[in-house]
C-alpha atoms as a PDB file:
ATOM      1  CA  UNK A   1      -0.619 -16.435  12.786  1.00  0.00           C
ATOM      2  CA  UNK A   2       0.664 -14.394   9.461  1.00  0.00           C
ATOM      3  CA  UNK A   3      -2.380 -12.236   7.635  1.00  0.00           C
ATOM      4  CA  UNK A   4      -1.176 -11.909   4.022  1.00  0.00           C
ATOM      5  CA  UNK A   5      -3.183  -8.399   3.312  1.00  0.00           C
ATOM      6  CA  UNK A   6      -5.572  -8.212   0.314  1.00  0.00           C
ATOM      7  CA  UNK A   7      -6.726  -5.924  -1.926  1.00  0.00           C
ATOM      8  CA  UNK A   8      -6.002  -7.313  -5.729  1.00  0.00           C
ATOM      9  CA  UNK A   9      -2.390  -8.120  -4.855  1.00  0.00           C
ATOM     10  CA  UNK A  10      -2.013  -3.894  -6.313  1.00  0.00           C
ATOM     11  CA  UNK A  11      -2.951  -1.645  -3.308  1.00  0.00           C
ATOM     12  CA  UNK A  12      -3.047  -2.459  -0.206  1.00  0.00           C
ATOM     13  CA  UNK A  13      -1.091  -2.982   3.378  1.00  0.00           C
ATOM     14  CA  UNK A  14      -0.006  -4.633   5.768  1.00  0.00           C
ATOM     15  CA  UNK A  15      -1.321  -2.761   8.450  1.00  0.00           C
ATOM     16  CA  UNK A  16      -4.677  -3.066   7.512  1.00  0.00           C
ATOM     17  CA  UNK A  17      -5.709  -5.671   9.690  1.00  0.00           C
ATOM     18  CA  UNK A  18      -4.928  -4.763  13.242  1.00  0.00           C
ATOM     19  CA  UNK A  19      -3.459  -8.193  15.048  1.00  0.00           C
ATOM     20  CA  UNK A  20      -3.797  -6.904  18.669  1.00  0.00           C
ATOM     21  CA  UNK A  21      -7.487  -7.594  20.332  1.00  0.00           C
ATOM     22  CA  UNK A  22      -6.773 -11.149  18.418  1.00  0.00           C
ATOM     23  CA  UNK A  23      -3.580 -11.837  20.073  1.00  0.00           C
ATOM     24  CA  UNK A  24      -5.033 -10.564  23.164  1.00  0.00           C
ATOM     25  CA  UNK A  25      -7.313 -13.083  23.435  1.00  0.00           C
ATOM     26  CA  UNK A  26      -6.533 -16.182  21.868  1.00  0.00           C
ATOM     27  CA  UNK A  27      -1.932 -17.494  22.553  1.00  0.00           C
ATOM     28  CA  UNK A  28      -0.852 -16.196  18.790  1.00  0.00           C
ATOM     29  CA  UNK A  29       1.464 -13.985  18.060  1.00  0.00           C
ATOM     30  CA  UNK A  30      -0.309 -12.331  14.891  1.00  0.00           C
ATOM     31  CA  UNK A  31       2.479 -11.450  12.719  1.00  0.00           C
ATOM     32  CA  UNK A  32       0.879  -9.049   9.352  1.00  0.00           C
ATOM     33  CA  UNK A  33       3.498  -9.049   6.293  1.00  0.00           C
ATOM     34  CA  UNK A  34       4.130  -6.599   3.185  1.00  0.00           C
ATOM     35  CA  UNK A  35       4.906  -7.477   0.148  1.00  0.00           C
ATOM     36  CA  UNK A  36       5.934  -5.953  -3.823  1.00  0.00           C
ATOM     37  CA  UNK A  37       2.762  -4.876  -5.235  1.00  0.00           C
ATOM     38  CA  UNK A  38       1.080  -3.978  -8.771  1.00  0.00           C
ATOM     39  CA  UNK A  39       4.172  -4.004 -11.680  1.00  0.00           C
ATOM     40  CA  UNK A  40       6.774  -3.975  -9.009  1.00  0.00           C
ATOM     41  CA  UNK A  41       5.757  -7.693  -7.702  1.00  0.00           C
ATOM     42  CA  UNK A  42       3.797  -8.799 -10.419  1.00  0.00           C
ATOM     43  CA  UNK A  43       5.571  -8.407 -13.613  1.00  0.00           C
ATOM     44  CA  UNK A  44       6.948 -10.302 -16.009  1.00  0.00           C
ATOM     45  CA  UNK A  45       7.823 -10.032 -19.625  1.00  0.00           C
ATOM     46  CA  UNK A  46       7.792 -13.736 -19.581  1.00  0.00           C
ATOM     47  CA  UNK A  47      11.694 -14.346 -20.272  1.00  0.00           C
ATOM     48  CA  UNK A  48      14.532 -14.478 -17.925  1.00  0.00           C
ATOM     49  CA  UNK A  49      15.157 -10.141 -18.015  1.00  0.00           C
ATOM     50  CA  UNK A  50      12.036 -10.190 -15.349  1.00  0.00           C
ATOM     51  CA  UNK A  51      10.658 -13.097 -14.652  1.00  0.00           C
ATOM     52  CA  UNK A  52       7.932 -11.792 -12.454  1.00  0.00           C
ATOM     53  CA  UNK A  53       6.119 -12.955  -9.499  1.00  0.00           C
ATOM     54  CA  UNK A  54       8.348 -10.796  -6.856  1.00  0.00           C
ATOM     55  CA  UNK A  55       5.344 -10.588  -4.153  1.00  0.00           C
ATOM     56  CA  UNK A  56       4.483 -14.299  -4.230  1.00  0.00           C
ATOM     57  CA  UNK A  57       9.302 -14.575  -3.631  1.00  0.00           C
ATOM     58  CA  UNK A  58       8.329 -11.744  -0.884  1.00  0.00           C
ATOM     59  CA  UNK A  59       5.762 -13.343   1.383  1.00  0.00           C
ATOM     60  CA  UNK A  60       8.315 -17.093   0.926  1.00  0.00           C
ATOM     61  CA  UNK A  61      10.878 -15.191   2.647  1.00  0.00           C
ATOM     62  CA  UNK A  62       8.655 -13.015   5.334  1.00  0.00           C
ATOM     63  CA  UNK A  63       7.544 -17.019   6.045  1.00  0.00           C
ATOM     64  CA  UNK A  64      11.813 -17.603   5.921  1.00  0.00           C
ATOM     65  CA  UNK A  65      11.813 -15.129   8.734  1.00  0.00           C
ATOM     66  CA  UNK A  66       9.048 -16.022  10.574  1.00  0.00           C
ATOM     67  CA  UNK A  67      10.732 -19.040  10.775  1.00  0.00           C
ATOM     68  CA  UNK A  68      13.749 -17.449  11.995  1.00  0.00           C
ATOM     69  CA  UNK A  69      12.731 -15.656  14.737  1.00  0.00           C
ATOM     70  CA  UNK A  70       9.390 -15.793  16.244  1.00  0.00           C
ATOM     71  CA  UNK A  71      10.906 -17.475  19.015  1.00  0.00           C
ATOM     72  CA  UNK A  72      12.022 -14.045  19.719  1.00  0.00           C
ATOM     73  CA  UNK A  73       8.787 -13.034  20.440  1.00  0.00           C
ATOM     74  CA  UNK A  74       7.138 -16.158  22.197  1.00  0.00           C
ATOM     75  CA  UNK A  75       5.777 -17.880  19.144  1.00  0.00           C
ATOM     76  CA  UNK A  76       6.950 -21.193  17.534  1.00  0.00           C
ATOM     77  CA  UNK A  77       8.130 -21.923  14.288  1.00  0.00           C
ATOM     78  CA  UNK A  78       6.600 -25.152  14.617  1.00  0.00           C
ATOM     79  CA  UNK A  79       3.007 -24.221  14.373  1.00  0.00           C
ATOM     80  CA  UNK A  80       3.179 -20.937  12.208  1.00  0.00           C
ATOM     81  CA  UNK A  81      -0.669 -20.555  11.044  1.00  0.00           C
ATOM     82  CA  UNK A  82      -0.986 -18.295   7.083  1.00  0.00           C
ATOM     83  CA  UNK A  83      -4.141 -16.700   6.961  1.00  0.00           C
ATOM     84  CA  UNK A  84      -5.229 -13.453   4.238  1.00  0.00           C
ATOM     85  CA  UNK A  85      -8.222 -12.376   3.512  1.00  0.00           C
ATOM     86  CA  UNK A  86      -9.252 -11.627  -0.918  1.00  0.00           C
ATOM     87  CA  UNK A  87      -6.095 -11.221  -2.809  1.00  0.00           C
ATOM     88  CA  UNK A  88      -4.125 -12.782   1.141  1.00  0.00           C
ATOM     89  CA  UNK A  89      -6.695 -15.539   0.049  1.00  0.00           C
ATOM     90  CA  UNK A  90      -5.069 -16.237  -2.945  1.00  0.00           C
ATOM     91  CA  UNK A  91      -1.473 -15.994  -2.005  1.00  0.00           C
ATOM     92  CA  UNK A  92      -2.322 -18.717   1.029  1.00  0.00           C
ATOM     93  CA  UNK A  93      -3.850 -20.495  -2.077  1.00  0.00           C
ATOM     94  CA  UNK A  94      -0.424 -20.462  -3.985  1.00  0.00           C
ATOM     95  CA  UNK A  95       1.862 -20.449  -0.647  1.00  0.00           C
ATOM     96  CA  UNK A  96       0.342 -23.766  -0.089  1.00  0.00           C
ATOM     97  CA  UNK A  97       0.935 -24.811  -3.499  1.00  0.00           C
ATOM     98  CA  UNK A  98       4.746 -23.803  -3.949  1.00  0.00           C
ATOM     99  CA  UNK A  99       7.816 -26.357  -3.522  1.00  0.00           C
ATOM    100  CA  UNK A 100       9.552 -22.938  -2.110  1.00  0.00           C
ATOM    101  CA  UNK A 101       7.139 -21.847   0.737  1.00  0.00           C
ATOM    102  CA  UNK A 102       7.117 -25.895   1.927  1.00  0.00           C
ATOM    103  CA  UNK A 103       7.513 -26.863   5.686  1.00  0.00           C
ATOM    104  CA  UNK A 104       7.913 -22.623   6.413  1.00  0.00           C
ATOM    105  CA  UNK A 105       3.974 -23.141   7.898  1.00  0.00           C
ATOM    106  CA  UNK A 106       1.378 -25.726   9.377  1.00  0.00           C
END
């Protein structure tokens, strides 16, 4: 299970969610991801110089890492679930719709 933190895409940290209780009570591996926030993650000039959405690209990169490495931690890359709170939920919705994240979670 991959947790995406909230914070209006301008603040927040992966460490804000402690997945140890979930992992201990269920047969899951919990991964919390960090991504660029604010202007570092979402600034755009609407041209080729600063296309923006690097924060979402960080999330896609994290999901690719999970696919490549989760088996080493006892997880199954064919059973990755993403979830989040607040802006993390918005990120989940965006990732569900994005062709860039196709096949990275189920």
